[in-house]
Protein backbone atom coordinates (compact mmCIF):
# COMPACT_ATOMS: atom_id res chain seq x y z
CA MET A 1 5.13 -55.03 -57.50
CA SER A 2 6.99 -54.07 -54.33
CA ALA A 3 10.52 -55.15 -53.48
CA PRO A 4 9.54 -57.29 -50.44
CA PHE A 5 6.97 -59.13 -52.54
CA LEU A 6 9.58 -59.75 -55.25
CA TYR A 7 12.06 -61.10 -52.69
CA ALA A 8 9.39 -63.32 -51.13
CA LEU A 9 8.47 -64.64 -54.57
CA LEU A 10 12.14 -65.30 -55.29
CA GLY A 11 12.44 -67.16 -51.97
CA VAL A 12 9.44 -69.33 -52.81
CA GLY A 13 11.03 -70.04 -56.19
CA LEU A 14 14.29 -71.09 -54.55
CA PHE A 15 12.40 -73.34 -52.17
CA CYS A 16 10.52 -74.99 -55.06
CA ILE A 17 13.74 -75.52 -57.04
CA GLY A 18 15.36 -77.13 -53.98
CA LEU A 19 12.30 -79.31 -53.35
CA HIS A 20 12.32 -80.46 -56.97
CA ALA A 21 16.02 -81.33 -56.78
CA LEU A 22 15.47 -83.15 -53.48
CA ILE A 23 12.78 -85.34 -55.04
CA VAL A 24 14.42 -85.95 -58.43
CA HIS A 25 18.07 -86.61 -57.59
CA ALA A 26 19.23 -89.82 -55.91
CA HIS A 27 22.81 -88.75 -55.14
CA LEU A 28 23.25 -87.83 -51.46
CA LEU A 29 25.45 -84.78 -52.08
CA ARG A 30 22.86 -83.32 -54.47
CA LYS A 31 20.18 -83.91 -51.85
CA ILE A 32 22.24 -82.03 -49.26
CA LEU A 33 22.74 -79.15 -51.69
CA ALA A 34 19.00 -79.15 -52.43
CA ILE A 35 18.25 -78.84 -48.72
CA ASN A 36 20.69 -75.90 -48.55
CA ILE A 37 18.88 -74.20 -51.43
CA MET A 38 15.53 -74.80 -49.73
CA GLY A 39 16.88 -73.25 -46.54
CA SER A 40 18.12 -70.22 -48.45
CA GLY A 41 14.66 -69.78 -49.90
CA VAL A 42 13.08 -69.90 -46.44
CA PHE A 43 15.61 -67.36 -45.14
CA LEU A 44 14.83 -65.04 -48.05
CA VAL A 45 11.08 -65.27 -47.44
CA LEU A 46 11.54 -64.55 -43.73
CA VAL A 47 13.64 -61.46 -44.42
CA ALA A 48 11.28 -60.25 -47.14
CA LEU A 49 8.20 -60.51 -44.93
CA ALA A 50 9.83 -58.93 -41.86
CA ARG A 51 7.98 -55.61 -42.18
CA ARG A 52 5.35 -54.88 -39.55
CA GLY A 53 3.37 -52.36 -41.52
CA GLY A 54 3.50 -50.26 -44.66
CA ASP A 55 6.48 -47.96 -44.18
CA GLY A 56 7.39 -48.92 -40.62
CA PRO A 57 10.73 -50.29 -39.55
CA PRO A 58 11.36 -53.99 -40.12
CA ASP A 59 10.77 -56.41 -37.28
CA PRO A 60 14.13 -57.53 -35.82
CA VAL A 61 12.85 -60.96 -34.68
CA PRO A 62 12.73 -62.56 -38.18
CA HIS A 63 16.18 -61.14 -38.92
CA ALA A 64 17.54 -62.70 -35.72
CA MET A 65 15.88 -66.00 -36.66
CA VAL A 66 17.54 -65.89 -40.07
CA ILE A 67 20.97 -65.20 -38.54
CA ALA A 68 20.52 -68.10 -36.11
CA GLY A 69 19.33 -70.30 -38.98
CA VAL A 70 22.37 -69.48 -41.08
CA VAL A 71 24.67 -70.35 -38.18
CA VAL A 72 22.87 -73.67 -37.64
CA ALA A 73 22.96 -74.42 -41.38
CA VAL A 74 26.69 -73.77 -41.57
CA LEU A 75 27.48 -75.79 -38.46
CA GLY A 76 25.15 -78.60 -39.50
CA HIS A 77 27.12 -79.27 -42.66
CA ARG A 78 30.61 -79.29 -41.23
CA PRO A 79 32.49 -82.56 -41.53
CA GLY A 80 32.32 -84.77 -38.46
CA PRO A 81 35.07 -86.92 -36.99
CA ARG A 82 36.38 -89.79 -39.04
CA PRO A 83 35.01 -93.17 -37.93
CA ASP A 84 38.52 -94.68 -37.84
CA ALA A 85 40.17 -91.79 -35.96
CA GLU A 86 41.52 -92.40 -32.48
CA GLY A 87 40.47 -90.04 -29.71
CA PRO A 88 42.83 -88.24 -27.34
CA ARG A 89 44.79 -90.33 -24.85
CA GLY A 90 43.17 -91.00 -21.51
CA HIS A 91 39.65 -90.75 -22.90
CA GLY A 92 38.97 -94.35 -23.77
CA ALA A 93 41.17 -94.40 -26.86
CA PRO A 94 42.97 -97.69 -27.53
CA ARG A 95 46.70 -97.64 -26.97
CA ALA A 96 49.06 -98.72 -29.70
CA ALA A 97 51.08 -101.90 -29.18
CA ALA A 98 54.38 -99.99 -29.27
CA ASP A 99 53.24 -97.61 -26.53
CA ALA A 100 51.96 -100.38 -24.24
CA GLY A 101 55.42 -101.47 -23.04
CA SER A 102 56.87 -97.99 -22.52
CA ASP A 103 55.13 -97.33 -19.16
């Protein structure tokens, strides 16, 4: 068993574990974590199967795709703005009652 095959098999296993958790769990945070695990499995499979031939150099395109995918995955799970937060002044944000008379 070669190392790339082992890594690809491990990636498929991670994807299956994430898919199982996505189906079984009802809690939203667990579903988000399951999607992250599935994405990690896909990244691992892409890196493992990046070889063009037997002993040739690896193909850089799947590696670039994995790097871009990791960046998108990290940025996709950052917290967004609070629904009750006010925006910056002058951009449609409501003014407070105390500030209304100071102009």
